[in-house]
C-alpha atoms as a PDB file:
ATOM      1  CA  UNK A   1      81.688 116.659 110.896  1.00  0.00           C
ATOM      2  CA  UNK A   2      80.007 113.731 112.589  1.00  0.00           C
ATOM      3  CA  UNK A   3      81.429 110.343 111.772  1.00  0.00           C
ATOM      4  CA  UNK A   4      78.531 108.335 110.358  1.00  0.00           C
ATOM      5  CA  UNK A   5      80.431 105.096 109.890  1.00  0.00           C
ATOM      6  CA  UNK A   6      82.916 104.574 112.697  1.00  0.00           C
ATOM      7  CA  UNK A   7      85.544 101.941 112.044  1.00  0.00           C
ATOM      8  CA  UNK A   8      85.700 102.162 108.237  1.00  0.00           C
ATOM      9  CA  UNK A   9      88.343 104.884 107.921  1.00  0.00           C
ATOM     10  CA  UNK A  10      91.052 102.219 107.641  1.00  0.00           C
ATOM     11  CA  UNK A  11      89.632 100.857 104.352  1.00  0.00           C
ATOM     12  CA  UNK A  12      91.022 103.548 102.003  1.00  0.00           C
ATOM     13  CA  UNK A  13      94.413 103.339 103.749  1.00  0.00           C
ATOM     14  CA  UNK A  14      94.333  99.556 103.395  1.00  0.00           C
ATOM     15  CA  UNK A  15      93.479  99.932  99.693  1.00  0.00           C
ATOM     16  CA  UNK A  16      96.482 102.184  99.062  1.00  0.00           C
ATOM     17  CA  UNK A  17      98.839 100.036 101.160  1.00  0.00           C
ATOM     18  CA  UNK A  18      97.707  96.736  99.617  1.00  0.00           C
ATOM     19  CA  UNK A  19      97.837  98.080  96.044  1.00  0.00           C
ATOM     20  CA  UNK A  20     101.290  99.558  96.588  1.00  0.00           C
ATOM     21  CA  UNK A  21     102.485  96.264  98.035  1.00  0.00           C
ATOM     22  CA  UNK A  22     101.045  94.403  95.027  1.00  0.00           C
ATOM     23  CA  UNK A  23     103.006  96.542  92.588  1.00  0.00           C
ATOM     24  CA  UNK A  24     106.202  96.548  94.630  1.00  0.00           C
ATOM     25  CA  UNK A  25     106.224  92.808  95.403  1.00  0.00           C
ATOM     26  CA  UNK A  26     105.532  91.758  91.805  1.00  0.00           C
ATOM     27  CA  UNK A  27     108.138  94.280  90.578  1.00  0.00           C
ATOM     28  CA  UNK A  28     110.822  92.977  92.940  1.00  0.00           C
ATOM     29  CA  UNK A  29     110.122  89.348  92.026  1.00  0.00           C
ATOM     30  CA  UNK A  30     110.088  90.131  88.295  1.00  0.00           C
ATOM     31  CA  UNK A  31     113.385  92.045  88.494  1.00  0.00           C
ATOM     32  CA  UNK A  32     115.080  89.386  90.647  1.00  0.00           C
ATOM     33  CA  UNK A  33     113.890  86.648  88.264  1.00  0.00           C
ATOM     34  CA  UNK A  34     115.223  88.635  85.302  1.00  0.00           C
ATOM     35  CA  UNK A  35     111.795  88.909  83.682  1.00  0.00           C
ATOM     36  CA  UNK A  36     111.870  92.718  83.381  1.00  0.00           C
ATOM     37  CA  UNK A  37     114.465  95.448  83.311  1.00  0.00           C
ATOM     38  CA  UNK A  38     114.642  97.358  86.598  1.00  0.00           C
ATOM     39  CA  UNK A  39     114.201 100.784  84.992  1.00  0.00           C
ATOM     40  CA  UNK A  40     110.487 101.709  84.826  1.00  0.00           C
ATOM     41  CA  UNK A  41     108.754  98.659  83.328  1.00  0.00           C
ATOM     42  CA  UNK A  42     105.024  98.684  82.580  1.00  0.00           C
ATOM     43  CA  UNK A  43     103.098  97.616  85.662  1.00  0.00           C
ATOM     44  CA  UNK A  44     101.556  94.795  83.632  1.00  0.00           C
ATOM     45  CA  UNK A  45     105.018  93.567  82.589  1.00  0.00           C
ATOM     46  CA  UNK A  46     105.780  92.833  86.234  1.00  0.00           C
ATOM     47  CA  UNK A  47     102.798  90.483  86.423  1.00  0.00           C
ATOM     48  CA  UNK A  48     103.121  88.569  83.162  1.00  0.00           C
ATOM     49  CA  UNK A  49     105.371  85.604  83.923  1.00  0.00           C
ATOM     50  CA  UNK A  50     105.225  83.105  86.797  1.00  0.00           C
ATOM     51  CA  UNK A  51     105.789  83.282  89.732  1.00  0.00           C
ATOM     52  CA  UNK A  52     105.034  87.017  89.918  1.00  0.00           C
ATOM     53  CA  UNK A  53     101.950  86.670  87.702  1.00  0.00           C
ATOM     54  CA  UNK A  54     100.105  84.670  90.359  1.00  0.00           C
ATOM     55  CA  UNK A  55     101.001  87.110  93.115  1.00  0.00           C
ATOM     56  CA  UNK A  56     100.157  90.101  90.908  1.00  0.00           C
ATOM     57  CA  UNK A  57      96.776  88.669  89.882  1.00  0.00           C
ATOM     58  CA  UNK A  58      95.787  87.699  93.415  1.00  0.00           C
ATOM     59  CA  UNK A  59      96.829  90.992  94.987  1.00  0.00           C
ATOM     60  CA  UNK A  60      95.278  93.191  92.276  1.00  0.00           C
ATOM     61  CA  UNK A  61      91.977  91.319  92.561  1.00  0.00           C
ATOM     62  CA  UNK A  62      92.023  92.008  96.310  1.00  0.00           C
ATOM     63  CA  UNK A  63      92.785  95.667  95.468  1.00  0.00           C
ATOM     64  CA  UNK A  64      89.758  95.748  93.168  1.00  0.00           C
ATOM     65  CA  UNK A  65      87.579  94.387  95.975  1.00  0.00           C
ATOM     66  CA  UNK A  66      88.982  96.975  98.406  1.00  0.00           C
ATOM     67  CA  UNK A  67      88.280  99.640  95.759  1.00  0.00           C
ATOM     68  CA  UNK A  68      84.640  98.524  95.576  1.00  0.00           C
ATOM     69  CA  UNK A  69      84.330  98.700  99.372  1.00  0.00           C
ATOM     70  CA  UNK A  70      86.011 102.139  99.502  1.00  0.00           C
ATOM     71  CA  UNK A  71      83.775 103.555  96.777  1.00  0.00           C
ATOM     72  CA  UNK A  72      80.651 102.165  98.398  1.00  0.00           C
ATOM     73  CA  UNK A  73      81.633 103.725 101.735  1.00  0.00           C
ATOM     74  CA  UNK A  74      82.173 107.064  99.965  1.00  0.00           C
ATOM     75  CA  UNK A  75      78.780 106.689  98.273  1.00  0.00           C
ATOM     76  CA  UNK A  76      77.062 106.036 101.621  1.00  0.00           C
ATOM     77  CA  UNK A  77      78.874 108.943 103.276  1.00  0.00           C
ATOM     78  CA  UNK A  78      77.768 111.366 100.564  1.00  0.00           C
ATOM     79  CA  UNK A  79      74.191 110.048 100.741  1.00  0.00           C
ATOM     80  CA  UNK A  80      74.130 110.591 104.516  1.00  0.00           C
ATOM     81  CA  UNK A  81      75.619 114.104 104.253  1.00  0.00           C
ATOM     82  CA  UNK A  82      73.209 114.917 101.439  1.00  0.00           C
ATOM     83  CA  UNK A  83      70.187 114.162 103.646  1.00  0.00           C
ATOM     84  CA  UNK A  84      70.689 117.397 105.535  1.00  0.00           C
ATOM     85  CA  UNK A  85      72.504 119.576 102.992  1.00  0.00           C
ATOM     86  CA  UNK A  86      71.091 118.574  99.576  1.00  0.00           C
ATOM     87  CA  UNK A  87      74.293 119.640  97.817  1.00  0.00           C
ATOM     88  CA  UNK A  88      74.207 117.028  95.037  1.00  0.00           C
ATOM     89  CA  UNK A  89      71.557 114.946  93.303  1.00  0.00           C
ATOM     90  CA  UNK A  90      71.450 111.357  94.482  1.00  0.00           C
ATOM     91  CA  UNK A  91      71.581 110.218  90.840  1.00  0.00           C
ATOM     92  CA  UNK A  92      74.943 111.974  90.418  1.00  0.00           C
ATOM     93  CA  UNK A  93      76.296 110.146  93.457  1.00  0.00           C
ATOM     94  CA  UNK A  94      74.950 106.827  92.118  1.00  0.00           C
ATOM     95  CA  UNK A  95      76.412 107.514  88.663  1.00  0.00           C
ATOM     96  CA  UNK A  96      79.803 108.199  90.256  1.00  0.00           C
ATOM     97  CA  UNK A  97      79.594 104.916  92.172  1.00  0.00           C
ATOM     98  CA  UNK A  98      78.733 102.981  88.992  1.00  0.00           C
ATOM     99  CA  UNK A  99      81.674 104.520  87.114  1.00  0.00           C
ATOM    100  CA  UNK A 100      83.971 103.627  90.019  1.00  0.00           C
ATOM    101  CA  UNK A 101      82.693 100.046  90.081  1.00  0.00           C
ATOM    102  CA  UNK A 102      83.381  99.770  86.334  1.00  0.00           C
ATOM    103  CA  UNK A 103      86.971 100.777  87.055  1.00  0.00           C
ATOM    104  CA  UNK A 104      87.260  98.037  89.678  1.00  0.00           C
ATOM    105  CA  UNK A 105      85.924  95.490  87.183  1.00  0.00           C
ATOM    106  CA  UNK A 106      88.587  96.713  84.755  1.00  0.00           C
ATOM    107  CA  UNK A 107      91.222  96.141  87.432  1.00  0.00           C
ATOM    108  CA  UNK A 108      89.965  92.596  87.901  1.00  0.00           C
ATOM    109  CA  UNK A 109      90.203  91.993  84.150  1.00  0.00           C
ATOM    110  CA  UNK A 110      93.775  93.329  84.075  1.00  0.00           C
ATOM    111  CA  UNK A 111      94.713  91.079  86.986  1.00  0.00           C
ATOM    112  CA  UNK A 112      93.095  87.977  85.515  1.00  0.00           C
ATOM    113  CA  UNK A 113      94.173  88.232  81.862  1.00  0.00           C
ATOM    114  CA  UNK A 114      97.941  88.659  81.581  1.00  0.00           C
ATOM    115  CA  UNK A 115      99.356  91.152  79.136  1.00  0.00           C
ATOM    116  CA  UNK A 116     100.881  88.599  76.770  1.00  0.00           C
ATOM    117  CA  UNK A 117      98.365  85.765  77.193  1.00  0.00           C
ATOM    118  CA  UNK A 118      95.236  87.629  76.102  1.00  0.00           C
ATOM    119  CA  UNK A 119      96.454  91.106  75.121  1.00  0.00           C
ATOM    120  CA  UNK A 120      93.187  92.484  73.712  1.00  0.00           C
ATOM    121  CA  UNK A 121      91.206  91.585  76.846  1.00  0.00           C
ATOM    122  CA  UNK A 122      94.012  92.885  79.075  1.00  0.00           C
ATOM    123  CA  UNK A 123      94.125  96.177  77.149  1.00  0.00           C
ATOM    124  CA  UNK A 124      90.344  96.614  77.287  1.00  0.00           C
ATOM    125  CA  UNK A 125      90.474  95.987  81.049  1.00  0.00           C
ATOM    126  CA  UNK A 126      93.256  98.573  81.430  1.00  0.00           C
ATOM    127  CA  UNK A 127      91.328 101.111  79.361  1.00  0.00           C
ATOM    128  CA  UNK A 128      88.194 100.559  81.461  1.00  0.00           C
ATOM    129  CA  UNK A 129      90.167 100.698  84.724  1.00  0.00           C
ATOM    130  CA  UNK A 130      92.116 103.868  83.952  1.00  0.00           C
ATOM    131  CA  UNK A 131      89.345 105.622  82.010  1.00  0.00           C
ATOM    132  CA  UNK A 132      86.745 104.954  84.688  1.00  0.00           C
ATOM    133  CA  UNK A 133      89.249 105.961  87.364  1.00  0.00           C
ATOM    134  CA  UNK A 134      89.797 109.351  85.732  1.00  0.00           C
ATOM    135  CA  UNK A 135      86.057 109.960  85.403  1.00  0.00           C
ATOM    136  CA  UNK A 136      85.416 108.762  88.981  1.00  0.00           C
ATOM    137  CA  UNK A 137      88.011 111.026  90.599  1.00  0.00           C
ATOM    138  CA  UNK A 138      86.776 113.970  88.518  1.00  0.00           C
ATOM    139  CA  UNK A 139      83.173 113.372  89.595  1.00  0.00           C
ATOM    140  CA  UNK A 140      84.268 113.034  93.219  1.00  0.00           C
ATOM    141  CA  UNK A 141      86.167 116.323  92.932  1.00  0.00           C
ATOM    142  CA  UNK A 142      83.045 118.069  91.647  1.00  0.00           C
ATOM    143  CA  UNK A 143      80.950 116.534  94.431  1.00  0.00           C
ATOM    144  CA  UNK A 144      83.546 117.718  96.963  1.00  0.00           C
ATOM    145  CA  UNK A 145      83.313 121.299  95.695  1.00  0.00           C
ATOM    146  CA  UNK A 146      79.515 121.164  95.894  1.00  0.00           C
ATOM    147  CA  UNK A 147      79.738 120.062  99.535  1.00  0.00           C
ATOM    148  CA  UNK A 148      81.957 122.984 100.588  1.00  0.00           C
ATOM    149  CA  UNK A 149      82.299 124.420 103.136  1.00  0.00           C
ATOM    150  CA  UNK A 150      80.077 122.248 105.315  1.00  0.00           C
ATOM    151  CA  UNK A 151      81.569 118.822 104.550  1.00  0.00           C
ATOM    152  CA  UNK A 152      84.954 119.655 102.994  1.00  0.00           C
ATOM    153  CA  UNK A 153      87.581 122.335 103.105  1.00  0.00           C
ATOM    154  CA  UNK A 154      88.549 124.083  99.910  1.00  0.00           C
ATOM    155  CA  UNK A 155      92.089 122.800 100.427  1.00  0.00           C
ATOM    156  CA  UNK A 156      90.869 119.186 100.194  1.00  0.00           C
ATOM    157  CA  UNK A 157      88.800 120.083  97.118  1.00  0.00           C
ATOM    158  CA  UNK A 158      91.810 121.691  95.432  1.00  0.00           C
ATOM    159  CA  UNK A 159      93.956 118.600  96.152  1.00  0.00           C
ATOM    160  CA  UNK A 160      91.292 116.306  94.697  1.00  0.00           C
ATOM    161  CA  UNK A 161      90.934 118.491  91.614  1.00  0.00           C
ATOM    162  CA  UNK A 162      94.725 118.586  91.153  1.00  0.00           C
ATOM    163  CA  UNK A 163      94.764 114.783  91.223  1.00  0.00           C
ATOM    164  CA  UNK A 164      91.919 114.803  88.679  1.00  0.00           C
ATOM    165  CA  UNK A 165      93.780 117.122  86.344  1.00  0.00           C
ATOM    166  CA  UNK A 166      97.014 115.115  86.613  1.00  0.00           C
ATOM    167  CA  UNK A 167      95.051 111.920  85.947  1.00  0.00           C
ATOM    168  CA  UNK A 168      93.396 113.415  82.861  1.00  0.00           C
ATOM    169  CA  UNK A 169      96.718 114.697  81.558  1.00  0.00           C
ATOM    170  CA  UNK A 170      98.376 111.296  82.129  1.00  0.00           C
ATOM    171  CA  UNK A 171      95.496 109.392  80.522  1.00  0.00           C
ATOM    172  CA  UNK A 172      95.892 111.094  77.147  1.00  0.00           C
ATOM    173  CA  UNK A 173      99.511 110.035  76.432  1.00  0.00           C
ATOM    174  CA  UNK A 174      98.721 106.568  77.790  1.00  0.00           C
ATOM    175  CA  UNK A 175      96.064 106.144  75.091  1.00  0.00           C
ATOM    176  CA  UNK A 176      98.226 107.698  72.366  1.00  0.00           C
ATOM    177  CA  UNK A 177     101.325 105.610  73.085  1.00  0.00           C
ATOM    178  CA  UNK A 178      99.469 102.383  73.827  1.00  0.00           C
ATOM    179  CA  UNK A 179      97.690 102.634  70.478  1.00  0.00           C
ATOM    180  CA  UNK A 180     101.002 103.068  68.632  1.00  0.00           C
ATOM    181  CA  UNK A 181     102.636  99.885  69.903  1.00  0.00           C
ATOM    182  CA  UNK A 182     101.712  96.250  69.707  1.00  0.00           C
ATOM    183  CA  UNK A 183     103.117  94.236  72.569  1.00  0.00           C
ATOM    184  CA  UNK A 184     103.896  90.679  71.613  1.00  0.00           C
ATOM    185  CA  UNK A 185     106.784  90.212  74.013  1.00  0.00           C
ATOM    186  CA  UNK A 186     108.384  91.917  76.980  1.00  0.00           C
ATOM    187  CA  UNK A 187     112.042  91.570  76.017  1.00  0.00           C
ATOM    188  CA  UNK A 188     113.227  94.267  73.660  1.00  0.00           C
ATOM    189  CA  UNK A 189     116.592  94.737  72.005  1.00  0.00           C
ATOM    190  CA  UNK A 190     117.811  98.080  70.621  1.00  0.00           C
ATOM    191  CA  UNK A 191     117.698  96.936  66.966  1.00  0.00           C
ATOM    192  CA  UNK A 192     113.998  96.043  67.064  1.00  0.00           C
ATOM    193  CA  UNK A 193     111.211  98.282  65.794  1.00  0.00           C
END
């Protein structure tokens, strides 16, 4: 495969590294400050109270921007490959990009509106981010299969589809359990409902 955009391959790796650092740094600060319990807190819980809330918000907004750049690069790559192969309609590629961009906007909302400050806006942002993410990765998996074997291997397609399936499976309990609780505080004691 010819590389149509030399020099941009680092962007997805930067996205993953930066996002991981955002979650890890805010988690460590929140645990050390005693704001969350160390055993598997919600990601949003680790970015609710200062000082970690500022770091969390800043870093997640940068992650959203990197997500936009990554998705746009993927869009351009598919468009370029599609010029010679015609494996997918351009409208499908554009639709996938728009869904991905919605997910990045959701990430920005989650980062900007803390979980306990404006819970309804935060929850809507999380729903948009995760829901759009699941749809985006599923669409990208389908596009990958359509581009086989010229632009992808079936192994890569199977990995992408496995990630899609895991994402879909994880999304369902997230919605079910999130709808059953109302978060008004982070601290919980065993006697509380």
